Amino acid sequence: MTEELMPAAEDPYGVSKLAVELDLKAAHEMFGLNSIIFRPSMFWRRQNDGHITAMW
């Protein structure tokens, strides 16, 4: 996975994150606003009891 990959949001959470990233990009282009997008290394794991937990 690299920064050059085109984003492809597949759920409402991903769509909202992508929308914010595009808003930040537009703010940079229009007003010179610098920002940092933090994407932690996290994945989700389903436990035996059916609960989903985040793994860092």
N, C-alpha and C. Protein backbone atom coordinates (compact mmCIF):
# COMPACT_ATOMS: atom_id res chain seq x y z
N MET A 1 0.84 -1.17 0.00
CA MET A 1 0.00 0.00 0.00
C MET A 1 0.89 1.24 0.00
N THR A 2 0.61 2.16 -0.92
CA THR A 2 1.40 3.38 -1.01
C THR A 2 0.49 4.59 -1.07
N GLU A 3 1.07 5.75 -0.91
CA GLU A 3 0.32 7.00 -0.98
C GLU A 3 -0.22 7.26 -2.38
N GLU A 4 0.34 6.59 -3.39
CA GLU A 4 -0.08 6.82 -4.77
C GLU A 4 -1.37 6.07 -5.13
N LEU A 5 -1.78 5.11 -4.30
CA LEU A 5 -3.00 4.36 -4.58
C LEU A 5 -4.22 5.28 -4.52
N MET A 6 -5.13 5.09 -5.46
CA MET A 6 -6.37 5.86 -5.44
C MET A 6 -7.28 5.31 -4.34
N PRO A 7 -7.86 6.18 -3.52
CA PRO A 7 -8.74 5.71 -2.45
C PRO A 7 -10.04 5.13 -3.02
N ALA A 8 -10.55 4.13 -2.35
CA ALA A 8 -11.81 3.50 -2.75
C ALA A 8 -12.60 3.19 -1.49
N ALA A 9 -13.34 4.17 -1.00
CA ALA A 9 -14.12 3.98 0.22
C ALA A 9 -15.26 3.01 -0.05
N GLU A 10 -15.48 2.09 0.88
CA GLU A 10 -16.49 1.06 0.68
C GLU A 10 -17.61 1.10 1.70
N ASP A 11 -17.51 1.94 2.72
CA ASP A 11 -18.56 2.01 3.73
C ASP A 11 -18.71 3.47 4.18
N PRO A 12 -19.76 3.79 4.93
CA PRO A 12 -19.98 5.19 5.33
C PRO A 12 -18.81 5.80 6.10
N TYR A 13 -18.15 5.02 6.94
CA TYR A 13 -17.01 5.53 7.69
C TYR A 13 -15.87 5.92 6.74
N GLY A 14 -15.57 5.05 5.79
CA GLY A 14 -14.52 5.33 4.82
C GLY A 14 -14.86 6.51 3.93
N VAL A 15 -16.13 6.61 3.54
CA VAL A 15 -16.57 7.73 2.71
C VAL A 15 -16.39 9.05 3.46
N SER A 16 -16.74 9.08 4.76
CA SER A 16 -16.58 10.32 5.53
C SER A 16 -15.11 10.69 5.69
N LYS A 17 -14.23 9.71 5.90
CA LYS A 17 -12.80 10.00 6.00
C LYS A 17 -12.25 10.53 4.68
N LEU A 18 -12.67 9.93 3.57
CA LEU A 18 -12.23 10.38 2.26
C LEU A 18 -12.72 11.80 1.98
N ALA A 19 -13.96 12.10 2.37
CA ALA A 19 -14.51 13.45 2.16
C ALA A 19 -13.68 14.49 2.90
N VAL A 20 -13.28 14.19 4.13
CA VAL A 20 -12.45 15.14 4.89
C VAL A 20 -11.09 15.31 4.22
N GLU A 21 -10.50 14.22 3.75
CA GLU A 21 -9.21 14.33 3.07
C GLU A 21 -9.32 15.21 1.82
N LEU A 22 -10.40 15.04 1.07
CA LEU A 22 -10.59 15.87 -0.12
C LEU A 22 -10.84 17.33 0.25
N ASP A 23 -11.56 17.57 1.34
CA ASP A 23 -11.76 18.95 1.82
C ASP A 23 -10.43 19.59 2.21
N LEU A 24 -9.58 18.82 2.90
CA LEU A 24 -8.27 19.34 3.29
C LEU A 24 -7.41 19.64 2.07
N LYS A 25 -7.48 18.78 1.07
CA LYS A 25 -6.72 19.02 -0.16
C LYS A 25 -7.20 20.31 -0.83
N ALA A 26 -8.52 20.50 -0.90
CA ALA A 26 -9.08 21.72 -1.50
C ALA A 26 -8.67 22.96 -0.71
N ALA A 27 -8.68 22.87 0.62
CA ALA A 27 -8.28 24.01 1.46
C ALA A 27 -6.82 24.35 1.21
N HIS A 28 -5.99 23.34 0.99
CA HIS A 28 -4.58 23.59 0.69
C HIS A 28 -4.44 24.31 -0.66
N GLU A 29 -5.17 23.81 -1.65
CA GLU A 29 -5.07 24.41 -2.99
C GLU A 29 -5.61 25.83 -3.03
N MET A 30 -6.69 26.10 -2.28
CA MET A 30 -7.32 27.42 -2.32
C MET A 30 -6.68 28.43 -1.37
N PHE A 31 -6.29 27.96 -0.17
CA PHE A 31 -5.85 28.89 0.86
C PHE A 31 -4.43 28.64 1.37
N GLY A 32 -3.77 27.60 0.87
CA GLY A 32 -2.43 27.29 1.34
C GLY A 32 -2.40 26.64 2.71
N LEU A 33 -3.55 26.14 3.18
CA LEU A 33 -3.62 25.51 4.50
C LEU A 33 -2.88 24.17 4.47
N ASN A 34 -1.91 24.01 5.34
CA ASN A 34 -1.19 22.75 5.45
C ASN A 34 -1.87 21.87 6.48
N SER A 35 -1.87 20.58 6.25
CA SER A 35 -2.49 19.64 7.18
C SER A 35 -1.72 18.32 7.15
N ILE A 36 -1.98 17.51 8.14
CA ILE A 36 -1.39 16.17 8.22
C ILE A 36 -2.53 15.18 8.36
N ILE A 37 -2.52 14.15 7.55
CA ILE A 37 -3.52 13.09 7.65
C ILE A 37 -2.84 11.90 8.31
N PHE A 38 -3.35 11.51 9.45
CA PHE A 38 -2.77 10.41 10.22
C PHE A 38 -3.57 9.14 9.96
N ARG A 39 -2.90 8.11 9.47
CA ARG A 39 -3.53 6.82 9.24
C ARG A 39 -2.79 5.77 10.07
N PRO A 40 -3.32 5.48 11.26
CA PRO A 40 -2.62 4.50 12.09
C PRO A 40 -2.65 3.12 11.46
N SER A 41 -1.63 2.34 11.77
CA SER A 41 -1.58 0.95 11.30
C SER A 41 -2.50 0.13 12.19
N MET A 42 -3.70 -0.10 11.72
CA MET A 42 -4.69 -0.80 12.53
C MET A 42 -5.50 -1.70 11.62
N PHE A 43 -5.84 -2.86 12.12
CA PHE A 43 -6.74 -3.73 11.38
C PHE A 43 -7.73 -4.32 12.37
N TRP A 44 -8.82 -4.84 11.86
CA TRP A 44 -9.89 -5.36 12.70
C TRP A 44 -9.85 -6.89 12.70
N ARG A 45 -10.13 -7.45 13.84
CA ARG A 45 -10.10 -8.91 13.98
C ARG A 45 -11.39 -9.36 14.66
N ARG A 46 -12.00 -10.39 14.14
CA ARG A 46 -13.21 -10.93 14.76
C ARG A 46 -12.80 -12.01 15.77
N GLN A 47 -13.29 -11.84 16.99
CA GLN A 47 -12.99 -12.80 18.03
C GLN A 47 -13.96 -13.98 17.95
N ASN A 48 -13.66 -15.04 18.68
CA ASN A 48 -14.51 -16.24 18.67
C ASN A 48 -15.91 -15.95 19.19
N ASP A 49 -16.05 -14.95 20.07
CA ASP A 49 -17.37 -14.65 20.64
C ASP A 49 -18.19 -13.73 19.75
N GLY A 50 -17.70 -13.43 18.53
CA GLY A 50 -18.45 -12.62 17.59
C GLY A 50 -18.17 -11.13 17.67
N HIS A 51 -17.41 -10.67 18.67
CA HIS A 51 -17.08 -9.26 18.79
C HIS A 51 -15.91 -8.91 17.86
N ILE A 52 -15.89 -7.68 17.44
CA ILE A 52 -14.80 -7.22 16.58
C ILE A 52 -13.90 -6.30 17.41
N THR A 53 -12.61 -6.52 17.37
CA THR A 53 -11.68 -5.70 18.13
C THR A 53 -10.63 -5.10 17.20
N ALA A 54 -10.13 -3.95 17.61
CA ALA A 54 -9.07 -3.29 16.84
C ALA A 54 -7.73 -3.80 17.32
N MET A 55 -6.85 -4.05 16.38
CA MET A 55 -5.50 -4.51 16.70
C MET A 55 -4.51 -3.44 16.24
N TRP A 56 -3.64 -2.98 17.13
CA TRP A 56 -2.64 -1.96 16.80
C TRP A 56 -1.33 -2.62 16.55
